[in-house]
Each structure stands twice: as structure tokens, then as C-alpha cells.
Amino acid sequence: MAALLEQYTKQKSRRIEIQSTIAKERKRIVGLHVFGNLYDLDPKVTKDKEYLKSVVLKAVEMAKMTLVEIKSWPFGGEKGGVSVMALVTESHVVLHTWNEYKYATLDIYTCGEHSDPHAAFNYVVQALKPKRHQVFYANRSSE
């Protein structure tokens, strides 16, 4: 009987510990930042504001994020390019291109527990078809 009581007490203690951990996790910010560089892009793509905007919109969808607003701006001049910024309830998706360098940077940050910034990043890479790219990850979750 004493052994059963001890086992029950341990199980109950473990359940309380698990429930406490779950409660803490729910209060925790789960932040993941995926960002990178895309090299040797087609110059026609780096200038196409509407296409780049549609790519970022689809990336938001692929990541299961909720769009608040999207804006895009073309930049002329020697280097030129386009910037597209999507504000999402979970944070943001930002793409900047430079025509002269056939280059882009991509920044995807989410604090959404069910968002997938990796899927968004991979989609943009597939859509823009760089000859090579780099990807970096940062865990920006609270403790």
C-alpha cells in the first residue's frame, strides 16, 4: 500500500510539474527569425514590383501568417531595386532587391506558435530562383 501511495504521489507531482511547464510555455513568446541573402537573380525579377509583392503575399500564406498590410516601393537610381514589406499579426516579412548587384535580402520573423517562417523562406527562394542563397536562423523566444 505504501508503495502504491508513493507511486501515486510521484505521478501527481509529475503531472503538476508538466502542467506548470505548459502554463509557462503559453506565456512565453515563441520567436523565430529566418533571414538570408539571394545571389545572382534575374535582373527582370529584381525590378518587378508587382511580381515581388505577389511572392511575398504567397510567402505569408505559406507560413500560415495573418496579413495586416503589405506595401512595396520601387527605387530607381544607379543601384535601384524594390522593397516589399508585409506586416503580419505574427511580425513581418521583408524583401529588398538591388538591381545592380542582382541581389536580394529576405527577412522573416514570427512570434506565432503555428507559423512556419522556413516555409515562407523556401517559397521565396523557389519563386525568385537565385543561383545561390544563404539562410540564417535565430531563436528569439523569451525564456
C-alpha atoms as a PDB file:
ATOM      1  CA  MET A   1       0.000   0.000   0.000  1.00  0.00           C
ATOM      2  CA  ALA A   2       2.831   2.381   0.885  1.00  0.00           C
ATOM      3  CA  ALA A   3       4.480   1.658  -2.474  1.00  0.00           C
ATOM      4  CA  LEU A   4       1.247   2.444  -4.329  1.00  0.00           C
ATOM      5  CA  LEU A   5       0.813   5.687  -2.375  1.00  0.00           C
ATOM      6  CA  GLU A   6       4.410   6.693  -3.145  1.00  0.00           C
ATOM      7  CA  GLN A   7       3.901   5.916  -6.848  1.00  0.00           C
ATOM      8  CA  TYR A   8       0.653   7.932  -6.917  1.00  0.00           C
ATOM      9  CA  THR A   9       2.371  10.871  -5.184  1.00  0.00           C
ATOM     10  CA  LYS A  10       5.212  10.801  -7.758  1.00  0.00           C
ATOM     11  CA  GLN A  11       2.724  10.657 -10.648  1.00  0.00           C
ATOM     12  CA  LYS A  12       0.693  13.510  -9.198  1.00  0.00           C
ATOM     13  CA  SER A  13       3.859  15.543  -8.645  1.00  0.00           C
ATOM     14  CA  ARG A  14       4.941  14.870 -12.254  1.00  0.00           C
ATOM     15  CA  ARG A  15       1.505  15.939 -13.582  1.00  0.00           C
ATOM     16  CA  ILE A  16       1.724  19.205 -11.643  1.00  0.00           C
ATOM     17  CA  GLU A  17       5.249  19.774 -12.989  1.00  0.00           C
ATOM     18  CA  ILE A  18       4.089  19.145 -16.592  1.00  0.00           C
ATOM     19  CA  GLN A  19       1.037  21.397 -16.167  1.00  0.00           C
ATOM     20  CA  SER A  20       3.241  24.136 -14.723  1.00  0.00           C
ATOM     21  CA  THR A  21       5.652  23.834 -17.652  1.00  0.00           C
ATOM     22  CA  ILE A  22       2.777  24.017 -20.147  1.00  0.00           C
ATOM     23  CA  ALA A  23       1.405  27.114 -18.409  1.00  0.00           C
ATOM     24  CA  LYS A  24       4.837  28.780 -18.601  1.00  0.00           C
ATOM     25  CA  GLU A  25       5.177  27.844 -22.283  1.00  0.00           C
ATOM     26  CA  ARG A  26       1.858  29.505 -23.071  1.00  0.00           C
ATOM     27  CA  LYS A  27       3.090  32.759 -21.530  1.00  0.00           C
ATOM     28  CA  ARG A  28       6.352  32.507 -23.460  1.00  0.00           C
ATOM     29  CA  ILE A  29       6.986  34.328 -26.719  1.00  0.00           C
ATOM     30  CA  VAL A  30       7.985  31.825 -29.359  1.00  0.00           C
ATOM     31  CA  GLY A  31      10.093  33.832 -31.787  1.00  0.00           C
ATOM     32  CA  LEU A  32      11.886  32.502 -34.830  1.00  0.00           C
ATOM     33  CA  HIS A  33      13.810  34.698 -37.235  1.00  0.00           C
ATOM     34  CA  VAL A  34      14.741  33.262 -40.633  1.00  0.00           C
ATOM     35  CA  PHE A  35      16.758  35.569 -42.865  1.00  0.00           C
ATOM     36  CA  GLY A  36      19.176  35.366 -45.717  1.00  0.00           C
ATOM     37  CA  ASN A  37      20.725  36.524 -48.961  1.00  0.00           C
ATOM     38  CA  LEU A  38      19.807  35.618 -52.527  1.00  0.00           C
ATOM     39  CA  TYR A  39      22.531  35.962 -55.171  1.00  0.00           C
ATOM     40  CA  ASP A  40      22.621  36.116 -58.962  1.00  0.00           C
ATOM     41  CA  LEU A  41      18.953  36.859 -59.512  1.00  0.00           C
ATOM     42  CA  ASP A  42      17.422  37.619 -62.895  1.00  0.00           C
ATOM     43  CA  PRO A  43      17.529  41.459 -63.185  1.00  0.00           C
ATOM     44  CA  LYS A  44      13.997  41.439 -64.620  1.00  0.00           C
ATOM     45  CA  VAL A  45      12.790  39.878 -61.369  1.00  0.00           C
ATOM     46  CA  THR A  46      14.631  42.322 -59.086  1.00  0.00           C
ATOM     47  CA  LYS A  47      12.802  45.236 -60.785  1.00  0.00           C
ATOM     48  CA  ASP A  48       9.306  43.731 -60.951  1.00  0.00           C
ATOM     49  CA  LYS A  49       7.462  45.340 -58.046  1.00  0.00           C
ATOM     50  CA  GLU A  50       4.140  43.574 -58.685  1.00  0.00           C
ATOM     51  CA  TYR A  51       5.709  40.146 -59.017  1.00  0.00           C
ATOM     52  CA  LEU A  52       7.802  40.614 -55.865  1.00  0.00           C
ATOM     53  CA  LYS A  53       4.719  41.769 -53.976  1.00  0.00           C
ATOM     54  CA  SER A  54       2.803  38.665 -55.111  1.00  0.00           C
ATOM     55  CA  VAL A  55       5.716  36.449 -53.998  1.00  0.00           C
ATOM     56  CA  VAL A  56       5.731  37.992 -50.517  1.00  0.00           C
ATOM     57  CA  LEU A  57       1.927  37.625 -50.270  1.00  0.00           C
ATOM     58  CA  LYS A  58       2.189  33.943 -51.153  1.00  0.00           C
ATOM     59  CA  ALA A  59       5.043  33.530 -48.640  1.00  0.00           C
ATOM     60  CA  VAL A  60       2.794  34.952 -45.905  1.00  0.00           C
ATOM     61  CA  GLU A  61       0.165  32.388 -46.867  1.00  0.00           C
ATOM     62  CA  MET A  62       2.713  29.544 -46.982  1.00  0.00           C
ATOM     63  CA  ALA A  63       3.887  30.470 -43.470  1.00  0.00           C
ATOM     64  CA  LYS A  64       0.325  30.454 -42.120  1.00  0.00           C
ATOM     65  CA  MET A  65       0.659  34.073 -41.027  1.00  0.00           C
ATOM     66  CA  THR A  66      -2.134  36.644 -40.908  1.00  0.00           C
ATOM     67  CA  LEU A  67      -1.623  39.624 -43.197  1.00  0.00           C
ATOM     68  CA  VAL A  68      -2.305  43.067 -41.736  1.00  0.00           C
ATOM     69  CA  GLU A  69      -0.916  45.154 -44.594  1.00  0.00           C
ATOM     70  CA  ILE A  70       1.569  44.940 -47.444  1.00  0.00           C
ATOM     71  CA  LYS A  71       3.452  47.793 -49.097  1.00  0.00           C
ATOM     72  CA  SER A  72       6.022  47.920 -51.868  1.00  0.00           C
ATOM     73  CA  TRP A  73       8.287  50.629 -53.211  1.00  0.00           C
ATOM     74  CA  PRO A  74      10.456  50.731 -56.315  1.00  0.00           C
ATOM     75  CA  PHE A  75      13.779  52.541 -56.045  1.00  0.00           C
ATOM     76  CA  GLY A  76      15.481  53.988 -59.090  1.00  0.00           C
ATOM     77  CA  GLY A  77      18.960  55.312 -59.343  1.00  0.00           C
ATOM     78  CA  GLU A  78      22.206  53.580 -60.038  1.00  0.00           C
ATOM     79  CA  LYS A  79      21.570  50.564 -57.805  1.00  0.00           C
ATOM     80  CA  GLY A  80      17.772  50.551 -57.951  1.00  0.00           C
ATOM     81  CA  GLY A  81      15.564  47.796 -56.639  1.00  0.00           C
ATOM     82  CA  VAL A  82      12.321  47.130 -54.848  1.00  0.00           C
ATOM     83  CA  SER A  83      11.392  46.816 -51.188  1.00  0.00           C
ATOM     84  CA  VAL A  84       8.330  44.835 -50.129  1.00  0.00           C
ATOM     85  CA  MET A  85       7.175  44.800 -46.529  1.00  0.00           C
ATOM     86  CA  ALA A  86       4.349  42.643 -45.198  1.00  0.00           C
ATOM     87  CA  LEU A  87       3.151  43.397 -41.706  1.00  0.00           C
ATOM     88  CA  VAL A  88       1.558  40.295 -40.214  1.00  0.00           C
ATOM     89  CA  THR A  89      -0.033  39.811 -36.819  1.00  0.00           C
ATOM     90  CA  GLU A  90       2.841  37.454 -36.022  1.00  0.00           C
ATOM     91  CA  SER A  91       5.507  40.062 -37.044  1.00  0.00           C
ATOM     92  CA  HIS A  92       6.859  40.677 -40.584  1.00  0.00           C
ATOM     93  CA  VAL A  93       8.185  39.530 -43.954  1.00  0.00           C
ATOM     94  CA  VAL A  94      10.567  41.936 -45.735  1.00  0.00           C
ATOM     95  CA  LEU A  95      12.269  41.591 -49.116  1.00  0.00           C
ATOM     96  CA  HIS A  96      14.770  44.099 -50.557  1.00  0.00           C
ATOM     97  CA  THR A  97      16.311  43.798 -54.031  1.00  0.00           C
ATOM     98  CA  TRP A  98      19.269  45.558 -55.657  1.00  0.00           C
ATOM     99  CA  ASN A  99      19.198  45.579 -59.477  1.00  0.00           C
ATOM    100  CA  GLU A 100      22.860  46.427 -59.989  1.00  0.00           C
ATOM    101  CA  TYR A 101      24.010  43.531 -57.832  1.00  0.00           C
ATOM    102  CA  LYS A 102      21.308  41.009 -58.874  1.00  0.00           C
ATOM    103  CA  TYR A 103      20.898  40.526 -55.138  1.00  0.00           C
ATOM    104  CA  ALA A 104      18.155  40.401 -52.516  1.00  0.00           C
ATOM    105  CA  THR A 105      17.833  40.126 -48.767  1.00  0.00           C
ATOM    106  CA  LEU A 106      14.910  38.353 -47.156  1.00  0.00           C
ATOM    107  CA  ASP A 107      13.847  38.730 -43.533  1.00  0.00           C
ATOM    108  CA  ILE A 108      11.041  36.669 -41.970  1.00  0.00           C
ATOM    109  CA  TYR A 109      10.276  36.933 -38.287  1.00  0.00           C
ATOM    110  CA  THR A 110       7.395  35.318 -36.484  1.00  0.00           C
ATOM    111  CA  CYS A 111       6.259  35.087 -32.922  1.00  0.00           C
ATOM    112  CA  GLY A 112       3.333  32.913 -33.934  1.00  0.00           C
ATOM    113  CA  GLU A 113       3.317  29.453 -32.405  1.00  0.00           C
ATOM    114  CA  HIS A 114       1.781  27.949 -35.535  1.00  0.00           C
ATOM    115  CA  SER A 115       3.638  29.967 -38.162  1.00  0.00           C
ATOM    116  CA  ASP A 116       6.320  28.459 -40.357  1.00  0.00           C
ATOM    117  CA  PRO A 117       8.903  31.042 -41.455  1.00  0.00           C
ATOM    118  CA  HIS A 118      11.004  28.268 -43.026  1.00  0.00           C
ATOM    119  CA  ALA A 119       8.192  27.500 -45.487  1.00  0.00           C
ATOM    120  CA  ALA A 120       7.957  31.183 -46.402  1.00  0.00           C
ATOM    121  CA  PHE A 121      11.709  31.475 -46.933  1.00  0.00           C
ATOM    122  CA  ASN A 122      11.822  28.342 -49.071  1.00  0.00           C
ATOM    123  CA  TYR A 123       8.903  29.551 -51.169  1.00  0.00           C
ATOM    124  CA  VAL A 124      10.606  32.891 -51.915  1.00  0.00           C
ATOM    125  CA  VAL A 125      13.813  31.114 -52.912  1.00  0.00           C
ATOM    126  CA  GLN A 126      11.862  28.832 -55.265  1.00  0.00           C
ATOM    127  CA  ALA A 127       9.957  31.765 -56.763  1.00  0.00           C
ATOM    128  CA  LEU A 128      12.984  34.052 -57.296  1.00  0.00           C
ATOM    129  CA  LYS A 129      15.380  31.279 -58.398  1.00  0.00           C
ATOM    130  CA  PRO A 130      18.708  32.682 -57.213  1.00  0.00           C
ATOM    131  CA  LYS A 131      21.776  30.811 -58.433  1.00  0.00           C
ATOM    132  CA  ARG A 132      22.779  30.533 -54.785  1.00  0.00           C
ATOM    133  CA  HIS A 133      21.490  31.663 -51.425  1.00  0.00           C
ATOM    134  CA  GLN A 134      22.321  31.737 -47.729  1.00  0.00           C
ATOM    135  CA  VAL A 135      19.875  31.179 -44.894  1.00  0.00           C
ATOM    136  CA  PHE A 136      20.336  32.000 -41.210  1.00  0.00           C
ATOM    137  CA  TYR A 137      18.189  31.257 -38.182  1.00  0.00           C
ATOM    138  CA  ALA A 138      17.860  32.993 -34.845  1.00  0.00           C
ATOM    139  CA  ASN A 139      15.782  31.810 -31.923  1.00  0.00           C
ATOM    140  CA  ARG A 140      14.233  34.955 -30.479  1.00  0.00           C
ATOM    141  CA  SER A 141      11.982  33.276 -27.947  1.00  0.00           C
ATOM    142  CA  SER A 142      11.631  34.562 -24.436  1.00  0.00           C
ATOM    143  CA  GLU A 143      12.820  32.448 -21.563  1.00  0.00           C
END
